[in-house]
Amino acid sequence: MTETAWSVRGVPIRLTDERWTHIMEQHCEMAGLRADVMRAIAEPARVVAGSAGELLAVREVGPGRAIVVVYREEQDDGFVITAFVTSRLRALERRRPLWT
């Protein structure tokens, strides 16, 4: 099943079962957080630039912890690359902000 959330730029971002399986295999802490991933895309605290054209949606999920969703936007379509939970919020603050 593919789920879609609209980014802050109004672009639909797809999360496919294949990508979700990849996320779960690489980041077991994401178990049960699929809805939070979609919420991070639609309602992030901020969006910062990645290093290769991707975008990182950041949404805090607890004191000193955030979900980061890495995705790519094209003209009228986008897709999730990966997602993870981090406590390294300072590293995200050093990235170029695109939306706050």
N, C-alpha and C. Protein backbone atom coordinates (compact mmCIF):
# COMPACT_ATOMS: atom_id res chain seq x y z
N MET A 1 0.84 -1.17 0.00
CA MET A 1 0.00 0.00 0.00
C MET A 1 0.89 1.25 0.00
N THR A 2 0.54 2.19 -0.81
CA THR A 2 1.26 3.45 -0.87
C THR A 2 0.45 4.51 -0.15
N GLU A 3 1.11 5.23 0.73
CA GLU A 3 0.47 6.36 1.42
C GLU A 3 1.06 7.64 0.86
N THR A 4 0.27 8.70 0.92
CA THR A 4 0.72 9.98 0.40
C THR A 4 0.45 11.07 1.42
N ALA A 5 1.42 11.95 1.60
CA ALA A 5 1.27 13.15 2.41
C ALA A 5 1.70 14.33 1.57
N TRP A 6 1.10 15.47 1.79
CA TRP A 6 1.45 16.68 1.05
C TRP A 6 2.52 17.44 1.81
N SER A 7 3.60 17.76 1.12
CA SER A 7 4.70 18.51 1.74
C SER A 7 4.29 19.96 1.96
N VAL A 8 5.12 20.70 2.68
CA VAL A 8 4.83 22.12 2.93
C VAL A 8 4.85 22.93 1.65
N ARG A 9 5.45 22.39 0.60
CA ARG A 9 5.46 23.07 -0.70
C ARG A 9 4.27 22.66 -1.56
N GLY A 10 3.38 21.81 -1.03
CA GLY A 10 2.19 21.39 -1.76
C GLY A 10 2.43 20.25 -2.73
N VAL A 11 3.51 19.51 -2.57
CA VAL A 11 3.84 18.40 -3.45
C VAL A 11 3.45 17.08 -2.76
N PRO A 12 2.74 16.17 -3.45
CA PRO A 12 2.42 14.89 -2.84
C PRO A 12 3.68 14.02 -2.72
N ILE A 13 3.93 13.51 -1.52
CA ILE A 13 5.11 12.69 -1.25
C ILE A 13 4.63 11.27 -0.94
N ARG A 14 5.10 10.29 -1.73
CA ARG A 14 4.67 8.90 -1.60
C ARG A 14 5.59 8.11 -0.65
N LEU A 15 4.98 7.27 0.17
CA LEU A 15 5.71 6.30 0.97
C LEU A 15 5.16 4.92 0.58
N THR A 16 5.97 4.16 -0.15
CA THR A 16 5.55 2.84 -0.61
C THR A 16 5.88 1.78 0.43
N ASP A 17 5.26 0.62 0.29
CA ASP A 17 5.57 -0.50 1.18
C ASP A 17 7.04 -0.90 1.06
N GLU A 18 7.59 -0.83 -0.15
CA GLU A 18 9.00 -1.19 -0.35
C GLU A 18 9.90 -0.27 0.46
N ARG A 19 9.62 1.03 0.43
CA ARG A 19 10.43 1.99 1.19
C ARG A 19 10.24 1.78 2.68
N TRP A 20 9.00 1.51 3.10
CA TRP A 20 8.75 1.30 4.52
C TRP A 20 9.50 0.06 5.02
N THR A 21 9.53 -0.99 4.21
CA THR A 21 10.29 -2.19 4.57
C THR A 21 11.76 -1.84 4.71
N HIS A 22 12.30 -1.08 3.78
CA HIS A 22 13.70 -0.64 3.85
C HIS A 22 13.96 0.14 5.15
N ILE A 23 13.06 1.07 5.46
CA ILE A 23 13.22 1.88 6.67
C ILE A 23 13.23 0.98 7.91
N MET A 24 12.30 0.04 7.97
CA MET A 24 12.21 -0.86 9.12
C MET A 24 13.44 -1.75 9.26
N GLU A 25 14.00 -2.19 8.13
CA GLU A 25 15.19 -3.04 8.17
C GLU A 25 16.42 -2.26 8.62
N GLN A 26 16.52 -1.01 8.23
CA GLN A 26 17.69 -0.20 8.56
C GLN A 26 17.57 0.54 9.89
N HIS A 27 16.35 0.81 10.32
CA HIS A 27 16.11 1.62 11.51
C HIS A 27 14.98 1.00 12.33
N CYS A 28 15.29 -0.04 13.09
CA CYS A 28 14.26 -0.79 13.82
C CYS A 28 13.50 0.08 14.82
N GLU A 29 14.08 1.21 15.23
CA GLU A 29 13.40 2.11 16.16
C GLU A 29 12.16 2.75 15.53
N MET A 30 12.00 2.62 14.22
CA MET A 30 10.87 3.21 13.51
C MET A 30 9.61 2.34 13.57
N ALA A 31 9.70 1.16 14.15
CA ALA A 31 8.54 0.25 14.24
C ALA A 31 7.36 0.98 14.85
N GLY A 32 6.24 0.93 14.18
CA GLY A 32 5.02 1.56 14.68
C GLY A 32 4.93 3.05 14.45
N LEU A 33 5.87 3.63 13.73
CA LEU A 33 5.90 5.09 13.55
C LEU A 33 5.55 5.54 12.13
N ARG A 34 4.91 4.67 11.35
CA ARG A 34 4.59 5.04 9.96
C ARG A 34 3.70 6.29 9.91
N ALA A 35 2.70 6.37 10.77
CA ALA A 35 1.83 7.56 10.79
C ALA A 35 2.61 8.80 11.18
N ASP A 36 3.59 8.64 12.07
CA ASP A 36 4.43 9.77 12.47
C ASP A 36 5.31 10.24 11.32
N VAL A 37 5.75 9.32 10.48
CA VAL A 37 6.53 9.68 9.30
C VAL A 37 5.67 10.53 8.36
N MET A 38 4.44 10.12 8.14
CA MET A 38 3.56 10.87 7.25
C MET A 38 3.24 12.24 7.85
N ARG A 39 3.07 12.30 9.16
CA ARG A 39 2.81 13.57 9.85
C ARG A 39 4.02 14.49 9.76
N ALA A 40 5.22 13.93 9.83
CA ALA A 40 6.44 14.75 9.73
C ALA A 40 6.53 15.42 8.36
N ILE A 41 6.08 14.74 7.32
CA ILE A 41 6.09 15.34 5.98
C ILE A 41 5.06 16.47 5.90
N ALA A 42 3.86 16.21 6.39
CA ALA A 42 2.77 17.17 6.27
C ALA A 42 2.86 18.32 7.26
N GLU A 43 3.38 18.04 8.47
CA GLU A 43 3.41 19.04 9.53
C GLU A 43 4.77 19.07 10.22
N PRO A 44 5.84 19.36 9.48
CA PRO A 44 7.17 19.37 10.11
C PRO A 44 7.37 20.60 10.98
N ALA A 45 8.30 20.49 11.91
CA ALA A 45 8.73 21.67 12.65
C ALA A 45 9.59 22.54 11.75
N ARG A 46 10.36 21.87 10.89
CA ARG A 46 11.20 22.57 9.90
C ARG A 46 11.60 21.60 8.80
N VAL A 47 12.00 22.17 7.68
CA VAL A 47 12.53 21.40 6.55
C VAL A 47 13.89 22.00 6.24
N VAL A 48 14.89 21.13 6.14
CA VAL A 48 16.25 21.58 5.84
C VAL A 48 16.75 20.88 4.59
N ALA A 49 17.78 21.46 4.00
CA ALA A 49 18.36 20.93 2.77
C ALA A 49 19.24 19.74 3.07
N GLY A 50 19.15 18.72 2.22
CA GLY A 50 20.08 17.60 2.28
C GLY A 50 21.34 17.95 1.50
N SER A 51 22.23 17.00 1.39
CA SER A 51 23.50 17.27 0.71
C SER A 51 23.47 16.98 -0.78
N ALA A 52 22.43 16.29 -1.26
CA ALA A 52 22.37 15.93 -2.68
C ALA A 52 21.01 16.24 -3.29
N GLY A 53 20.40 17.35 -2.87
CA GLY A 53 19.13 17.77 -3.45
C GLY A 53 17.90 17.24 -2.73
N GLU A 54 18.08 16.36 -1.77
CA GLU A 54 16.93 15.85 -1.02
C GLU A 54 16.55 16.84 0.07
N LEU A 55 15.37 16.65 0.61
CA LEU A 55 14.85 17.49 1.68
C LEU A 55 14.73 16.64 2.94
N LEU A 56 14.91 17.27 4.11
CA LEU A 56 14.78 16.58 5.38
C LEU A 56 13.69 17.28 6.18
N ALA A 57 12.58 16.58 6.39
CA ALA A 57 11.50 17.09 7.23
C ALA A 57 11.79 16.64 8.66
N VAL A 58 11.74 17.57 9.58
CA VAL A 58 12.09 17.30 10.98
C VAL A 58 10.88 17.59 11.85
N ARG A 59 10.51 16.61 12.66
CA ARG A 59 9.39 16.79 13.60
C ARG A 59 9.78 16.18 14.93
N GLU A 60 9.75 16.98 15.97
CA GLU A 60 10.14 16.51 17.30
C GLU A 60 9.11 15.52 17.82
N VAL A 61 9.61 14.45 18.47
CA VAL A 61 8.74 13.40 19.00
C VAL A 61 8.93 13.22 20.50
N GLY A 62 9.76 14.02 21.10
CA GLY A 62 10.01 13.96 22.52
C GLY A 62 11.14 14.90 22.86
N PRO A 63 11.43 15.04 24.14
CA PRO A 63 12.52 15.94 24.53
C PRO A 63 13.85 15.51 23.91
N GLY A 64 14.40 16.36 23.07
CA GLY A 64 15.69 16.09 22.46
C GLY A 64 15.70 15.01 21.40
N ARG A 65 14.52 14.63 20.89
CA ARG A 65 14.43 13.58 19.85
C ARG A 65 13.50 14.04 18.74
N ALA A 66 13.85 13.65 17.51
CA ALA A 66 13.04 14.04 16.36
C ALA A 66 13.03 12.93 15.33
N ILE A 67 11.93 12.87 14.59
CA ILE A 67 11.87 12.02 13.40
C ILE A 67 12.38 12.88 12.25
N VAL A 68 13.24 12.30 11.43
CA VAL A 68 13.73 12.95 10.23
C VAL A 68 13.28 12.10 9.05
N VAL A 69 12.58 12.72 8.11
CA VAL A 69 12.14 12.03 6.91
C VAL A 69 12.91 12.64 5.74
N VAL A 70 13.66 11.80 5.05
CA VAL A 70 14.44 12.23 3.89
C VAL A 70 13.60 11.92 2.66
N TYR A 71 13.35 12.94 1.85
CA TYR A 71 12.51 12.74 0.66
C TYR A 71 12.99 13.63 -0.46
N ARG A 72 12.49 13.33 -1.64
CA ARG A 72 12.84 14.10 -2.83
C ARG A 72 11.55 14.61 -3.45
N GLU A 73 11.58 15.85 -3.89
CA GLU A 73 10.46 16.46 -4.60
C GLU A 73 10.85 16.70 -6.04
N GLU A 74 9.92 16.41 -6.92
CA GLU A 74 10.08 16.79 -8.32
C GLU A 74 8.97 17.79 -8.62
N GLN A 75 8.69 18.09 -9.86
CA GLN A 75 7.70 19.11 -10.19
C GLN A 75 6.38 18.91 -9.46
N ASP A 76 5.74 17.76 -9.63
CA ASP A 76 4.42 17.54 -9.04
C ASP A 76 4.32 16.17 -8.38
N ASP A 77 5.46 15.64 -7.95
CA ASP A 77 5.48 14.32 -7.33
C ASP A 77 6.73 14.21 -6.46
N GLY A 78 6.66 13.37 -5.46
CA GLY A 78 7.81 13.16 -4.61
C GLY A 78 7.74 11.80 -3.94
N PHE A 79 8.84 11.41 -3.31
CA PHE A 79 8.89 10.09 -2.67
C PHE A 79 9.84 10.12 -1.48
N VAL A 80 9.54 9.25 -0.51
CA VAL A 80 10.37 9.10 0.68
C VAL A 80 11.57 8.23 0.32
N ILE A 81 12.74 8.66 0.77
CA ILE A 81 13.96 7.88 0.61
C ILE A 81 14.21 7.04 1.85
N THR A 82 14.18 7.68 3.01
CA THR A 82 14.36 6.97 4.28
C THR A 82 13.83 7.84 5.40
N ALA A 83 13.81 7.29 6.60
CA ALA A 83 13.39 8.03 7.79
C ALA A 83 14.07 7.40 8.99
N PHE A 84 14.30 8.22 10.01
CA PHE A 84 14.96 7.72 11.21
C PHE A 84 14.67 8.65 12.38
N VAL A 85 14.93 8.17 13.58
CA VAL A 85 14.82 8.99 14.79
C VAL A 85 16.23 9.39 15.19
N THR A 86 16.39 10.64 15.59
CA THR A 86 17.71 11.11 15.99
C THR A 86 17.62 11.99 17.23
N SER A 87 18.71 12.05 17.95
CA SER A 87 18.84 13.00 19.05
C SER A 87 19.92 14.03 18.71
N ARG A 88 20.47 13.95 17.51
CA ARG A 88 21.52 14.88 17.06
C ARG A 88 20.88 16.11 16.39
N LEU A 89 20.14 16.85 17.17
CA LEU A 89 19.41 17.99 16.63
C LEU A 89 20.32 19.14 16.22
N ARG A 90 21.45 19.28 16.88
CA ARG A 90 22.40 20.34 16.50
C ARG A 90 22.91 20.16 15.08
N ALA A 91 23.16 18.93 14.68
CA ALA A 91 23.63 18.67 13.32
C ALA A 91 22.59 19.12 12.30
N LEU A 92 21.32 18.95 12.62
CA LEU A 92 20.25 19.38 11.71
C LEU A 92 20.16 20.90 11.67
N GLU A 93 20.43 21.55 12.78
CA GLU A 93 20.37 23.01 12.83
C GLU A 93 21.44 23.67 11.98
N ARG A 94 22.52 22.95 11.69
CA ARG A 94 23.59 23.51 10.86
C ARG A 94 23.27 23.45 9.37
N ARG A 95 22.26 22.69 9.01
CA ARG A 95 21.88 22.59 7.60
C ARG A 95 21.09 23.83 7.17
N ARG A 96 21.08 24.08 5.87
CA ARG A 96 20.38 25.24 5.33
C ARG A 96 18.88 25.08 5.50
N PRO A 97 18.23 26.00 6.22
CA PRO A 97 16.77 25.90 6.41
C PRO A 97 16.04 26.26 5.12
N LEU A 98 15.00 25.47 4.80
CA LEU A 98 14.18 25.74 3.64
C LEU A 98 12.77 26.18 4.04
N TRP A 99 12.36 25.73 5.23
CA TRP A 99 11.04 26.09 5.73
C TRP A 99 11.04 25.93 7.25
N THR A 100 10.44 26.88 7.96
CA THR A 100 10.30 26.77 9.41
C THR A 100 8.90 27.14 9.83
